Amino acid sequence: MELQVDDARNESDVMLINEVAAALKITPKQIRRLERRGAFPIPRLPKLDRHPRYSRAHVERFAAGEARPLHTRRHRAA
């Protein structure tokens, strides 16, 4: 029984990319772009399947303003 409780707790500690996008009010596509540029401050957890996973604690800290802000657009030099 104890193992099932731990598994349930571990699942709630993990967020999928769609959940992260909703929490940060951006799209999953924006998250992927930021990751490719190395500008997304929340590290991915190891994949269990094809879906990227993120630590709920990291996402919540970032959403609360405890991490550096996202820069979703680059400003081009005129």
N, C-alpha and C. Protein backbone atom coordinates (compact mmCIF):
# COMPACT_ATOMS: atom_id res chain seq x y z
N MET A 1 0.81 -1.19 0.00
CA MET A 1 0.00 0.00 0.00
C MET A 1 0.85 1.26 0.00
N GLU A 2 1.92 1.26 0.75
CA GLU A 2 2.76 2.45 0.87
C GLU A 2 3.38 2.84 -0.47
N LEU A 3 3.72 1.85 -1.29
CA LEU A 3 4.31 2.12 -2.59
C LEU A 3 3.34 2.87 -3.48
N GLN A 4 2.07 2.54 -3.44
CA GLN A 4 1.07 3.22 -4.26
C GLN A 4 0.92 4.68 -3.84
N VAL A 5 0.99 4.96 -2.57
CA VAL A 5 0.90 6.33 -2.08
C VAL A 5 2.10 7.13 -2.60
N ASP A 6 3.30 6.55 -2.54
CA ASP A 6 4.49 7.22 -3.03
C ASP A 6 4.38 7.49 -4.53
N ASP A 7 3.88 6.52 -5.29
CA ASP A 7 3.71 6.70 -6.73
C ASP A 7 2.74 7.84 -7.02
N ALA A 8 1.64 7.92 -6.30
CA ALA A 8 0.67 8.99 -6.50
C ALA A 8 1.28 10.34 -6.17
N ARG A 9 2.06 10.41 -5.12
CA ARG A 9 2.70 11.66 -4.74
C ARG A 9 3.73 12.07 -5.79
N ASN A 10 4.50 11.11 -6.31
CA ASN A 10 5.50 11.42 -7.32
C ASN A 10 4.85 11.93 -8.60
N GLU A 11 3.70 11.37 -8.98
CA GLU A 11 3.01 11.83 -10.18
C GLU A 11 2.54 13.26 -10.01
N SER A 12 2.10 13.65 -8.82
CA SER A 12 1.63 15.01 -8.61
C SER A 12 2.80 16.00 -8.55
N ASP A 13 4.00 15.51 -8.33
CA ASP A 13 5.18 16.37 -8.28
C ASP A 13 5.72 16.66 -9.68
N VAL A 14 5.09 16.06 -10.69
CA VAL A 14 5.55 16.18 -12.06
C VAL A 14 4.46 16.83 -12.91
N MET A 15 4.87 17.72 -13.80
CA MET A 15 3.92 18.37 -14.70
C MET A 15 4.32 18.08 -16.14
N LEU A 16 3.33 17.85 -16.99
CA LEU A 16 3.57 17.69 -18.42
C LEU A 16 3.65 19.06 -19.07
N ILE A 17 4.13 19.11 -20.29
CA ILE A 17 4.37 20.38 -20.96
C ILE A 17 3.09 21.21 -21.09
N ASN A 18 1.95 20.57 -21.34
CA ASN A 18 0.68 21.31 -21.45
C ASN A 18 0.30 21.96 -20.12
N GLU A 19 0.55 21.27 -19.02
CA GLU A 19 0.26 21.83 -17.70
C GLU A 19 1.19 23.00 -17.38
N VAL A 20 2.45 22.87 -17.75
CA VAL A 20 3.41 23.95 -17.53
C VAL A 20 3.02 25.17 -18.35
N ALA A 21 2.66 24.94 -19.60
CA ALA A 21 2.26 26.04 -20.48
C ALA A 21 1.05 26.77 -19.91
N ALA A 22 0.07 26.02 -19.43
CA ALA A 22 -1.13 26.64 -18.85
C ALA A 22 -0.77 27.44 -17.60
N ALA A 23 0.11 26.91 -16.77
CA ALA A 23 0.49 27.59 -15.54
C ALA A 23 1.25 28.89 -15.83
N LEU A 24 2.05 28.90 -16.90
CA LEU A 24 2.85 30.07 -17.24
C LEU A 24 2.16 30.98 -18.26
N LYS A 25 0.98 30.56 -18.72
CA LYS A 25 0.19 31.33 -19.70
C LYS A 25 0.96 31.55 -21.00
N ILE A 26 1.62 30.49 -21.46
CA ILE A 26 2.27 30.48 -22.76
C ILE A 26 1.88 29.17 -23.43
N THR A 27 2.29 28.97 -24.67
CA THR A 27 1.95 27.74 -25.38
C THR A 27 3.07 26.71 -25.24
N PRO A 28 2.74 25.43 -25.42
CA PRO A 28 3.79 24.41 -25.42
C PRO A 28 4.85 24.67 -26.49
N LYS A 29 4.42 25.22 -27.62
CA LYS A 29 5.35 25.53 -28.70
C LYS A 29 6.37 26.58 -28.25
N GLN A 30 5.92 27.58 -27.49
CA GLN A 30 6.84 28.59 -26.97
C GLN A 30 7.85 27.97 -26.01
N ILE A 31 7.40 27.03 -25.20
CA ILE A 31 8.32 26.35 -24.29
C ILE A 31 9.40 25.61 -25.08
N ARG A 32 8.99 24.89 -26.11
CA ARG A 32 9.96 24.15 -26.93
C ARG A 32 10.97 25.09 -27.60
N ARG A 33 10.48 26.21 -28.11
CA ARG A 33 11.38 27.19 -28.74
C ARG A 33 12.38 27.74 -27.73
N LEU A 34 11.90 28.09 -26.55
CA LEU A 34 12.78 28.61 -25.51
C LEU A 34 13.82 27.57 -25.09
N GLU A 35 13.40 26.31 -25.01
CA GLU A 35 14.34 25.25 -24.66
C GLU A 35 15.42 25.11 -25.73
N ARG A 36 15.03 25.17 -26.99
CA ARG A 36 16.02 25.07 -28.08
C ARG A 36 17.05 26.19 -28.00
N ARG A 37 16.60 27.39 -27.63
CA ARG A 37 17.50 28.54 -27.50
C ARG A 37 18.29 28.52 -26.20
N GLY A 38 17.90 27.64 -25.27
CA GLY A 38 18.57 27.59 -23.98
C GLY A 38 18.09 28.69 -23.04
N ALA A 39 16.89 29.23 -23.31
CA ALA A 39 16.37 30.35 -22.54
C ALA A 39 15.26 29.96 -21.57
N PHE A 40 14.91 28.68 -21.52
CA PHE A 40 13.84 28.24 -20.62
C PHE A 40 14.47 27.84 -19.29
N PRO A 41 14.12 28.53 -18.20
CA PRO A 41 14.83 28.34 -16.93
C PRO A 41 14.46 27.09 -16.14
N ILE A 42 13.47 26.33 -16.60
CA ILE A 42 13.02 25.16 -15.84
C ILE A 42 13.57 23.90 -16.52
N PRO A 43 14.44 23.15 -15.84
CA PRO A 43 15.02 21.96 -16.48
C PRO A 43 14.01 20.83 -16.61
N ARG A 44 14.18 20.05 -17.66
CA ARG A 44 13.33 18.87 -17.86
C ARG A 44 13.75 17.75 -16.94
N LEU A 45 12.79 16.94 -16.56
CA LEU A 45 13.08 15.70 -15.83
C LEU A 45 13.33 14.61 -16.85
N PRO A 46 13.95 13.51 -16.46
CA PRO A 46 14.15 12.40 -17.40
C PRO A 46 12.80 11.91 -17.92
N LYS A 47 12.77 11.61 -19.21
CA LYS A 47 11.54 11.16 -19.84
C LYS A 47 11.22 9.73 -19.46
N LEU A 48 9.94 9.47 -19.23
CA LEU A 48 9.47 8.11 -19.04
C LEU A 48 8.84 7.58 -20.32
N ASP A 49 8.37 8.49 -21.13
CA ASP A 49 7.83 8.17 -22.45
C ASP A 49 8.21 9.34 -23.35
N ARG A 50 7.46 9.64 -24.36
CA ARG A 50 7.84 10.70 -25.29
C ARG A 50 7.48 12.10 -24.81
N HIS A 51 6.81 12.23 -23.68
CA HIS A 51 6.33 13.52 -23.21
C HIS A 51 7.31 14.18 -22.24
N PRO A 52 7.67 15.44 -22.52
CA PRO A 52 8.56 16.14 -21.58
C PRO A 52 7.87 16.35 -20.23
N ARG A 53 8.63 16.23 -19.17
CA ARG A 53 8.10 16.38 -17.81
C ARG A 53 8.96 17.39 -17.06
N TYR A 54 8.30 18.10 -16.15
CA TYR A 54 8.98 19.15 -15.39
C TYR A 54 8.60 19.02 -13.92
N SER A 55 9.47 19.47 -13.05
CA SER A 55 9.22 19.44 -11.62
C SER A 55 8.19 20.51 -11.25
N ARG A 56 7.14 20.11 -10.57
CA ARG A 56 6.11 21.06 -10.14
C ARG A 56 6.71 22.14 -9.25
N ALA A 57 7.65 21.77 -8.38
CA ALA A 57 8.27 22.74 -7.48
C ALA A 57 9.02 23.82 -8.27
N HIS A 58 9.76 23.43 -9.32
CA HIS A 58 10.47 24.40 -10.15
C HIS A 58 9.50 25.32 -10.86
N VAL A 59 8.42 24.76 -11.40
CA VAL A 59 7.42 25.56 -12.12
C VAL A 59 6.76 26.56 -11.17
N GLU A 60 6.40 26.09 -9.98
CA GLU A 60 5.74 26.97 -9.01
C GLU A 60 6.67 28.09 -8.56
N ARG A 61 7.96 27.77 -8.34
CA ARG A 61 8.92 28.81 -7.95
C ARG A 61 9.08 29.85 -9.05
N PHE A 62 9.15 29.37 -10.30
CA PHE A 62 9.28 30.29 -11.41
C PHE A 62 8.03 31.16 -11.54
N ALA A 63 6.85 30.56 -11.45
CA ALA A 63 5.60 31.30 -11.56
C ALA A 63 5.46 32.32 -10.44
N ALA A 64 6.03 32.04 -9.27
CA ALA A 64 5.96 32.96 -8.14
C ALA A 64 6.99 34.09 -8.25
N GLY A 65 7.83 34.05 -9.28
CA GLY A 65 8.80 35.11 -9.49
C GLY A 65 10.13 34.89 -8.83
N GLU A 66 10.41 33.68 -8.38
CA GLU A 66 11.67 33.39 -7.71
C GLU A 66 12.79 33.03 -8.67
N ALA A 67 12.49 32.98 -9.96
CA ALA A 67 13.51 32.65 -10.96
C ALA A 67 13.54 33.77 -12.00
N ARG A 68 14.55 33.73 -12.85
CA ARG A 68 14.66 34.80 -13.85
C ARG A 68 13.48 34.75 -14.83
N PRO A 69 13.06 35.91 -15.35
CA PRO A 69 11.88 35.96 -16.22
C PRO A 69 12.15 35.36 -17.60
N LEU A 70 11.08 34.99 -18.28
CA LEU A 70 11.18 34.48 -19.64
C LEU A 70 11.33 35.65 -20.61
N HIS A 71 12.14 35.46 -21.60
CA HIS A 71 12.24 36.42 -22.68
C HIS A 71 11.74 35.69 -23.92
N THR A 72 10.45 35.87 -24.24
CA THR A 72 9.84 35.11 -25.32
C THR A 72 10.15 35.65 -26.70
N ARG A 73 10.55 36.91 -26.81
CA ARG A 73 10.88 37.48 -28.11
C ARG A 73 12.26 38.12 -28.08
N ARG A 74 12.95 37.94 -29.15
CA ARG A 74 14.22 38.64 -29.30
C ARG A 74 13.94 39.95 -30.02
N HIS A 75 14.59 40.99 -29.56
CA HIS A 75 14.46 42.27 -30.23
C HIS A 75 15.56 42.37 -31.28
N ARG A 76 15.14 42.62 -32.49
CA ARG A 76 16.11 42.71 -33.58
C ARG A 76 16.71 44.11 -33.64
N ALA A 77 17.96 44.14 -33.96
CA ALA A 77 18.63 45.43 -34.12
C ALA A 77 18.12 46.11 -35.37
N ALA A 78 17.87 47.39 -35.29
CA ALA A 78 17.32 48.13 -36.45
C ALA A 78 18.38 48.49 -37.43
